[in-house]
Amino acid sequence: MKTLLVALNAKYVQSNLAVRTLRTACLDYNLECEIYESNVNEQLSTHLEAIVSSNPDIIGFSCYIWNISQVSYIGNK
């Protein structure tokens, strides 16, 4: 089962520690886990294409006030 952890950061210079911590925990249990990290300034279609092309079984989103509208949109697609 493949898990994709998605982080849409506010800026290009940020890194999302939450998805990295969760990925490390998954690796401790030999679970297949990848990270997709981008920012809220990218086109939503770019995010959707990257997520779909990863072909995950499970998608986890890191949600914050600056990305909740984009996450909600993507989650409903």
PDB file of N, CA and C in Angstrom:
ATOM      1  N   MET A   1       0.846  -1.165   0.000  1.00  0.00           N
ATOM      2  CA  MET A   1       0.000   0.000   0.000  1.00  0.00           C
ATOM      3  C   MET A   1       0.897   1.236   0.000  1.00  0.00           C
ATOM      4  N   LYS A   2       0.661   2.108  -0.965  1.00  0.00           N
ATOM      5  CA  LYS A   2       1.496   3.290  -1.129  1.00  0.00           C
ATOM      6  C   LYS A   2       0.804   4.517  -0.543  1.00  0.00           C
ATOM      7  N   THR A   3       1.535   5.247   0.301  1.00  0.00           N
ATOM      8  CA  THR A   3       1.033   6.474   0.915  1.00  0.00           C
ATOM      9  C   THR A   3       1.775   7.668   0.338  1.00  0.00           C
ATOM     10  N   LEU A   4       1.018   8.715   0.045  1.00  0.00           N
ATOM     11  CA  LEU A   4       1.602   9.970  -0.414  1.00  0.00           C
ATOM     12  C   LEU A   4       1.249  11.052   0.597  1.00  0.00           C
ATOM     13  N   LEU A   5       2.257  11.707   1.130  1.00  0.00           N
ATOM     14  CA  LEU A   5       2.066  12.819   2.061  1.00  0.00           C
ATOM     15  C   LEU A   5       2.246  14.118   1.293  1.00  0.00           C
ATOM     16  N   VAL A   6       1.229  14.974   1.344  1.00  0.00           N
ATOM     17  CA  VAL A   6       1.204  16.192   0.544  1.00  0.00           C
ATOM     18  C   VAL A   6       1.349  17.414   1.443  1.00  0.00           C
ATOM     19  N   ALA A   7       2.283  18.288   1.073  1.00  0.00           N
ATOM     20  CA  ALA A   7       2.495  19.542   1.795  1.00  0.00           C
ATOM     21  C   ALA A   7       2.479  20.688   0.787  1.00  0.00           C
ATOM     22  N   LEU A   8       1.549  21.620   0.985  1.00  0.00           N
ATOM     23  CA  LEU A   8       1.494  22.828   0.165  1.00  0.00           C
ATOM     24  C   LEU A   8       1.905  23.991   1.051  1.00  0.00           C
ATOM     25  N   ASN A   9       3.148  24.356   0.932  1.00  0.00           N
ATOM     26  CA  ASN A   9       3.722  25.382   1.795  1.00  0.00           C
ATOM     27  C   ASN A   9       3.350  26.789   1.325  1.00  0.00           C
ATOM     28  N   ALA A  10       3.541  27.771   2.193  1.00  0.00           N
ATOM     29  CA  ALA A  10       3.231  29.154   1.864  1.00  0.00           C
ATOM     30  C   ALA A  10       4.288  29.762   0.935  1.00  0.00           C
ATOM     31  N   LYS A  11       5.535  29.297   1.048  1.00  0.00           N
ATOM     32  CA  LYS A  11       6.632  29.845   0.247  1.00  0.00           C
ATOM     33  C   LYS A  11       7.520  28.719  -0.254  1.00  0.00           C
ATOM     34  N   TYR A  12       8.318  29.025  -1.274  1.00  0.00           N
ATOM     35  CA  TYR A  12       9.262  28.042  -1.821  1.00  0.00           C
ATOM     36  C   TYR A  12      10.350  27.677  -0.823  1.00  0.00           C
ATOM     37  N   VAL A  13      10.697  28.582   0.065  1.00  0.00           N
ATOM     38  CA  VAL A  13      11.825  28.363   0.956  1.00  0.00           C
ATOM     39  C   VAL A  13      11.475  27.531   2.177  1.00  0.00           C
ATOM     40  N   GLN A  14      10.219  27.243   2.369  1.00  0.00           N
ATOM     41  CA  GLN A  14       9.808  26.472   3.545  1.00  0.00           C
ATOM     42  C   GLN A  14       9.924  24.978   3.297  1.00  0.00           C
ATOM     43  N   SER A  15      10.156  24.249   4.364  1.00  0.00           N
ATOM     44  CA  SER A  15      10.088  22.792   4.346  1.00  0.00           C
ATOM     45  C   SER A  15       9.081  22.369   5.392  1.00  0.00           C
ATOM     46  N   ASN A  16       8.313  21.339   5.075  1.00  0.00           N
ATOM     47  CA  ASN A  16       7.282  20.874   5.975  1.00  0.00           C
ATOM     48  C   ASN A  16       7.831  19.736   6.831  1.00  0.00           C
ATOM     49  N   LEU A  17       8.036  20.017   8.099  1.00  0.00           N
ATOM     50  CA  LEU A  17       8.591  19.005   8.998  1.00  0.00           C
ATOM     51  C   LEU A  17       7.582  17.914   9.339  1.00  0.00           C
ATOM     52  N   ALA A  18       6.298  18.233   9.305  1.00  0.00           N
ATOM     53  CA  ALA A  18       5.268  17.245   9.642  1.00  0.00           C
ATOM     54  C   ALA A  18       5.304  16.049   8.692  1.00  0.00           C
ATOM     55  N   VAL A  19       5.345  16.310   7.385  1.00  0.00           N
ATOM     56  CA  VAL A  19       5.354  15.188   6.435  1.00  0.00           C
ATOM     57  C   VAL A  19       6.665  14.402   6.509  1.00  0.00           C
ATOM     58  N   ARG A  20       7.749  15.081   6.821  1.00  0.00           N
ATOM     59  CA  ARG A  20       9.023  14.367   6.958  1.00  0.00           C
ATOM     60  C   ARG A  20       9.028  13.462   8.191  1.00  0.00           C
ATOM     61  N   THR A  21       8.429  13.933   9.267  1.00  0.00           N
ATOM     62  CA  THR A  21       8.326  13.118  10.482  1.00  0.00           C
ATOM     63  C   THR A  21       7.434  11.907  10.246  1.00  0.00           C
ATOM     64  N   LEU A  22       6.306  12.118   9.581  1.00  0.00           N
ATOM     65  CA  LEU A  22       5.402  11.001   9.277  1.00  0.00           C
ATOM     66  C   LEU A  22       6.053   9.997   8.328  1.00  0.00           C
ATOM     67  N   ARG A  23       6.804  10.493   7.354  1.00  0.00           N
ATOM     68  CA  ARG A  23       7.495   9.581   6.432  1.00  0.00           C
ATOM     69  C   ARG A  23       8.520   8.727   7.177  1.00  0.00           C
ATOM     70  N   THR A  24       9.247   9.321   8.085  1.00  0.00           N
ATOM     71  CA  THR A  24      10.217   8.574   8.889  1.00  0.00           C
ATOM     72  C   THR A  24       9.525   7.486   9.706  1.00  0.00           C
ATOM     73  N   ALA A  25       8.374   7.818  10.274  1.00  0.00           N
ATOM     74  CA  ALA A  25       7.611   6.824  11.037  1.00  0.00           C
ATOM     75  C   ALA A  25       7.149   5.676  10.136  1.00  0.00           C
ATOM     76  N   CYS A  26       6.721   5.998   8.913  1.00  0.00           N
ATOM     77  CA  CYS A  26       6.306   4.949   7.975  1.00  0.00           C
ATOM     78  C   CYS A  26       7.470   4.044   7.608  1.00  0.00           C
ATOM     79  N   LEU A  27       8.629   4.629   7.397  1.00  0.00           N
ATOM     80  CA  LEU A  27       9.802   3.836   7.037  1.00  0.00           C
ATOM     81  C   LEU A  27      10.208   2.897   8.165  1.00  0.00           C
ATOM     82  N   ASP A  28       9.981   3.297   9.405  1.00  0.00           N
ATOM     83  CA  ASP A  28      10.275   2.424  10.543  1.00  0.00           C
ATOM     84  C   ASP A  28       9.447   1.140  10.507  1.00  0.00           C
ATOM     85  N   TYR A  29       8.296   1.201   9.832  1.00  0.00           N
ATOM     86  CA  TYR A  29       7.413   0.035   9.717  1.00  0.00           C
ATOM     87  C   TYR A  29       7.438  -0.556   8.311  1.00  0.00           C
ATOM     88  N   ASN A  30       8.442  -0.193   7.526  1.00  0.00           N
ATOM     89  CA  ASN A  30       8.620  -0.684   6.159  1.00  0.00           C
ATOM     90  C   ASN A  30       7.401  -0.419   5.276  1.00  0.00           C
ATOM     91  N   LEU A  31       6.765   0.728   5.468  1.00  0.00           N
ATOM     92  CA  LEU A  31       5.634   1.124   4.646  1.00  0.00           C
ATOM     93  C   LEU A  31       6.123   2.015   3.509  1.00  0.00           C
ATOM     94  N   GLU A  32       5.564   1.825   2.339  1.00  0.00           N
ATOM     95  CA  GLU A  32       5.946   2.638   1.186  1.00  0.00           C
ATOM     96  C   GLU A  32       5.315   4.019   1.322  1.00  0.00           C
ATOM     97  N   CYS A  33       6.140   5.036   1.373  1.00  0.00           N
ATOM     98  CA  CYS A  33       5.645   6.382   1.629  1.00  0.00           C
ATOM     99  C   CYS A  33       6.490   7.395   0.864  1.00  0.00           C
ATOM    100  N   GLU A  34       5.799   8.302   0.152  1.00  0.00           N
ATOM    101  CA  GLU A  34       6.471   9.359  -0.583  1.00  0.00           C
ATOM    102  C   GLU A  34       5.942  10.715  -0.139  1.00  0.00           C
ATOM    103  N   ILE A  35       6.702  11.754  -0.461  1.00  0.00           N
ATOM    104  CA  ILE A  35       6.303  13.123  -0.139  1.00  0.00           C
ATOM    105  C   ILE A  35       6.155  13.907  -1.438  1.00  0.00           C
ATOM    106  N   TYR A  36       5.064  14.645  -1.538  1.00  0.00           N
ATOM    107  CA  TYR A  36       4.905  15.662  -2.591  1.00  0.00           C
ATOM    108  C   TYR A  36       4.845  16.994  -1.876  1.00  0.00           C
ATOM    109  N   GLU A  37       5.822  17.842  -2.159  1.00  0.00           N
ATOM    110  CA  GLU A  37       5.893  19.138  -1.497  1.00  0.00           C
ATOM    111  C   GLU A  37       5.991  20.235  -2.550  1.00  0.00           C
ATOM    112  N   SER A  38       5.127  21.229  -2.408  1.00  0.00           N
ATOM    113  CA  SER A  38       5.105  22.360  -3.317  1.00  0.00           C
ATOM    114  C   SER A  38       4.625  23.568  -2.522  1.00  0.00           C
ATOM    115  N   ASN A  39       4.071  24.561  -3.208  1.00  0.00           N
ATOM    116  CA  ASN A  39       3.569  25.719  -2.477  1.00  0.00           C
ATOM    117  C   ASN A  39       2.227  26.161  -3.043  1.00  0.00           C
ATOM    118  N   VAL A  40       1.557  27.023  -2.308  1.00  0.00           N
ATOM    119  CA  VAL A  40       0.202  27.446  -2.672  1.00  0.00           C
ATOM    120  C   VAL A  40       0.177  28.342  -3.915  1.00  0.00           C
ATOM    121  N   ASN A  41       1.320  28.803  -4.380  1.00  0.00           N
ATOM    122  CA  ASN A  41       1.370  29.665  -5.559  1.00  0.00           C
ATOM    123  C   ASN A  41       1.353  28.891  -6.874  1.00  0.00           C
ATOM    124  N   GLU A  42       1.547  27.585  -6.815  1.00  0.00           N
ATOM    125  CA  GLU A  42       1.488  26.742  -8.017  1.00  0.00           C
ATOM    126  C   GLU A  42       0.037  26.557  -8.449  1.00  0.00           C
ATOM    127  N   GLN A  43      -0.149  26.258  -9.709  1.00  0.00           N
ATOM    128  CA  GLN A  43      -1.485  25.977 -10.237  1.00  0.00           C
ATOM    129  C   GLN A  43      -2.038  24.696  -9.605  1.00  0.00           C
ATOM    130  N   LEU A  44      -3.329  24.691  -9.314  1.00  0.00           N
ATOM    131  CA  LEU A  44      -3.954  23.500  -8.736  1.00  0.00           C
ATOM    132  C   LEU A  44      -3.828  22.300  -9.672  1.00  0.00           C
ATOM    133  N   SER A  45      -3.871  22.540 -10.966  1.00  0.00           N
ATOM    134  CA  SER A  45      -3.729  21.437 -11.925  1.00  0.00           C
ATOM    135  C   SER A  45      -2.354  20.775 -11.811  1.00  0.00           C
ATOM    136  N   THR A  46      -1.338  21.550 -11.489  1.00  0.00           N
ATOM    137  CA  THR A  46       0.005  20.997 -11.291  1.00  0.00           C
ATOM    138  C   THR A  46       0.021  20.055 -10.101  1.00  0.00           C
ATOM    139  N   HIS A  47      -0.617  20.472  -9.012  1.00  0.00           N
ATOM    140  CA  HIS A  47      -0.698  19.615  -7.823  1.00  0.00           C
ATOM    141  C   HIS A  47      -1.469  18.334  -8.129  1.00  0.00           C
ATOM    142  N   LEU A  48      -2.612  18.484  -8.787  1.00  0.00           N
ATOM    143  CA  LEU A  48      -3.441  17.314  -9.108  1.00  0.00           C
ATOM    144  C   LEU A  48      -2.691  16.323  -9.997  1.00  0.00           C
ATOM    145  N   GLU A  49      -2.001  16.818 -11.003  1.00  0.00           N
ATOM    146  CA  GLU A  49      -1.237  15.940 -11.896  1.00  0.00           C
ATOM    147  C   GLU A  49      -0.161  15.180 -11.138  1.00  0.00           C
ATOM    148  N   ALA A  50       0.549  15.869 -10.274  1.00  0.00           N
ATOM    149  CA  ALA A  50       1.617  15.213  -9.506  1.00  0.00           C
ATOM    150  C   ALA A  50       1.057  14.149  -8.571  1.00  0.00           C
ATOM    151  N   ILE A  51      -0.061  14.452  -7.927  1.00  0.00           N
ATOM    152  CA  ILE A  51      -0.669  13.504  -6.995  1.00  0.00           C
ATOM    153  C   ILE A  51      -1.189  12.278  -7.739  1.00  0.00           C
ATOM    154  N   VAL A  52      -1.896  12.499  -8.824  1.00  0.00           N
ATOM    155  CA  VAL A  52      -2.455  11.383  -9.598  1.00  0.00           C
ATOM    156  C   VAL A  52      -1.351  10.536 -10.211  1.00  0.00           C
ATOM    157  N   SER A  53      -0.310  11.169 -10.715  1.00  0.00           N
ATOM    158  CA  SER A  53       0.781  10.414 -11.345  1.00  0.00           C
ATOM    159  C   SER A  53       1.549   9.554 -10.347  1.00  0.00           C
ATOM    160  N   SER A  54       1.481   9.917  -9.084  1.00  0.00           N
ATOM    161  CA  SER A  54       2.131   9.116  -8.044  1.00  0.00           C
ATOM    162  C   SER A  54       1.369   7.821  -7.773  1.00  0.00           C
ATOM    163  N   ASN A  55       0.092   7.784  -8.143  1.00  0.00           N
ATOM    164  CA  ASN A  55      -0.760   6.609  -7.993  1.00  0.00           C
ATOM    165  C   ASN A  55      -0.795   6.065  -6.562  1.00  0.00           C
ATOM    166  N   PRO A  56      -1.101   6.931  -5.581  1.00  0.00           N
ATOM    167  CA  PRO A  56      -1.111   6.473  -4.184  1.00  0.00           C
ATOM    168  C   PRO A  56      -2.409   5.752  -3.821  1.00  0.00           C
ATOM    169  N   ASP A  57      -2.330   4.890  -2.823  1.00  0.00           N
ATOM    170  CA  ASP A  57      -3.517   4.259  -2.250  1.00  0.00           C
ATOM    171  C   ASP A  57      -4.110   5.146  -1.161  1.00  0.00           C
ATOM    172  N   ILE A  58      -3.236   5.848  -0.458  1.00  0.00           N
ATOM    173  CA  ILE A  58      -3.636   6.740   0.626  1.00  0.00           C
ATOM    174  C   ILE A  58      -2.942   8.081   0.422  1.00  0.00           C
ATOM    175  N   ILE A  59      -3.694   9.171   0.649  1.00  0.00           N
ATOM    176  CA  ILE A  59      -3.121  10.513   0.563  1.00  0.00           C
ATOM    177  C   ILE A  59      -3.342  11.212   1.895  1.00  0.00           C
ATOM    178  N   GLY A  60      -2.267  11.744   2.454  1.00  0.00           N
ATOM    179  CA  GLY A  60      -2.361  12.526   3.686  1.00  0.00           C
ATOM    180  C   GLY A  60      -1.951  13.955   3.390  1.00  0.00           C
ATOM    181  N   PHE A  61      -2.758  14.908   3.843  1.00  0.00           N
ATOM    182  CA  PHE A  61      -2.479  16.320   3.601  1.00  0.00           C
ATOM    183  C   PHE A  61      -2.057  17.010   4.887  1.00  0.00           C
ATOM    184  N   SER A  62      -1.055  17.858   4.793  1.00  0.00           N
ATOM    185  CA  SER A  62      -0.669  18.722   5.889  1.00  0.00           C
ATOM    186  C   SER A  62      -1.461  20.018   5.715  1.00  0.00           C
ATOM    187  N   CYS A  63      -2.382  20.288   6.643  1.00  0.00           N
ATOM    188  CA  CYS A  63      -3.322  21.410   6.496  1.00  0.00           C
ATOM    189  C   CYS A  63      -2.983  22.560   7.432  1.00  0.00           C
ATOM    190  N   TYR A  64      -3.006  23.749   6.854  1.00  0.00           N
ATOM    191  CA  TYR A  64      -2.768  24.982   7.595  1.00  0.00           C
ATOM    192  C   TYR A  64      -3.728  26.043   7.080  1.00  0.00           C
ATOM    193  N   ILE A  65      -3.782  27.191   7.738  1.00  0.00           N
ATOM    194  CA  ILE A  65      -4.706  28.239   7.300  1.00  0.00           C
ATOM    195  C   ILE A  65      -4.352  28.762   5.914  1.00  0.00           C
ATOM    196  N   TRP A  66      -3.081  28.706   5.513  1.00  0.00           N
ATOM    197  CA  TRP A  66      -2.687  29.236   4.216  1.00  0.00           C
ATOM    198  C   TRP A  66      -2.917  28.263   3.069  1.00  0.00           C
ATOM    199  N   ASN A  67      -3.231  26.992   3.359  1.00  0.00           N
ATOM    200  CA  ASN A  67      -3.425  26.056   2.257  1.00  0.00           C
ATOM    201  C   ASN A  67      -4.756  25.309   2.311  1.00  0.00           C
ATOM    202  N   ILE A  68      -5.608  25.622   3.258  1.00  0.00           N
ATOM    203  CA  ILE A  68      -6.811  24.809   3.449  1.00  0.00           C
ATOM    204  C   ILE A  68      -7.756  24.887   2.253  1.00  0.00           C
ATOM    205  N   SER A  69      -7.861  26.015   1.583  1.00  0.00           N
ATOM    206  CA  SER A  69      -8.758  26.085   0.429  1.00  0.00           C
ATOM    207  C   SER A  69      -8.239  25.212  -0.719  1.00  0.00           C
ATOM    208  N   GLN A  70      -6.931  25.199  -0.952  1.00  0.00           N
ATOM    209  CA  GLN A  70      -6.357  24.362  -1.992  1.00  0.00           C
ATOM    210  C   GLN A  70      -6.482  22.875  -1.631  1.00  0.00           C
ATOM    211  N   VAL A  71      -6.215  22.551  -0.366  1.00  0.00           N
ATOM    212  CA  VAL A  71      -6.329  21.161   0.078  1.00  0.00           C
ATOM    213  C   VAL A  71      -7.766  20.676  -0.037  1.00  0.00           C
ATOM    214  N   SER A  72      -8.714  21.512   0.354  1.00  0.00           N
ATOM    215  CA  SER A  72     -10.132  21.148   0.244  1.00  0.00           C
ATOM    216  C   SER A  72     -10.526  20.900  -1.204  1.00  0.00           C
ATOM    217  N   TYR A  73     -10.063  21.753  -2.093  1.00  0.00           N
ATOM    218  CA  TYR A  73     -10.356  21.590  -3.515  1.00  0.00           C
ATOM    219  C   TYR A  73      -9.770  20.286  -4.053  1.00  0.00           C
ATOM    220  N   ILE A  74      -8.508  20.055  -3.772  1.00  0.00           N
ATOM    221  CA  ILE A  74      -7.838  18.842  -4.253  1.00  0.00           C
ATOM    222  C   ILE A  74      -8.479  17.599  -3.647  1.00  0.00           C
ATOM    223  N   GLY A  75      -8.791  17.654  -2.365  1.00  0.00           N
ATOM    224  CA  GLY A  75      -9.394  16.513  -1.692  1.00  0.00           C
ATOM    225  C   GLY A  75     -10.754  16.131  -2.242  1.00  0.00           C
ATOM    226  N   ASN A  76     -11.457  17.071  -2.831  1.00  0.00           N
ATOM    227  CA  ASN A  76     -12.777  16.797  -3.400  1.00  0.00           C
ATOM    228  C   ASN A  76     -12.700  16.346  -4.859  1.00  0.00           C
ATOM    229  N   LYS A  77     -11.532  16.332  -5.435  1.00  0.00           N
ATOM    230  CA  LYS A  77     -11.381  15.881  -6.833  1.00  0.00           C
ATOM    231  C   LYS A  77     -11.139  14.445  -6.902  1.00  0.00           C
TER     232      LYS A  77
END
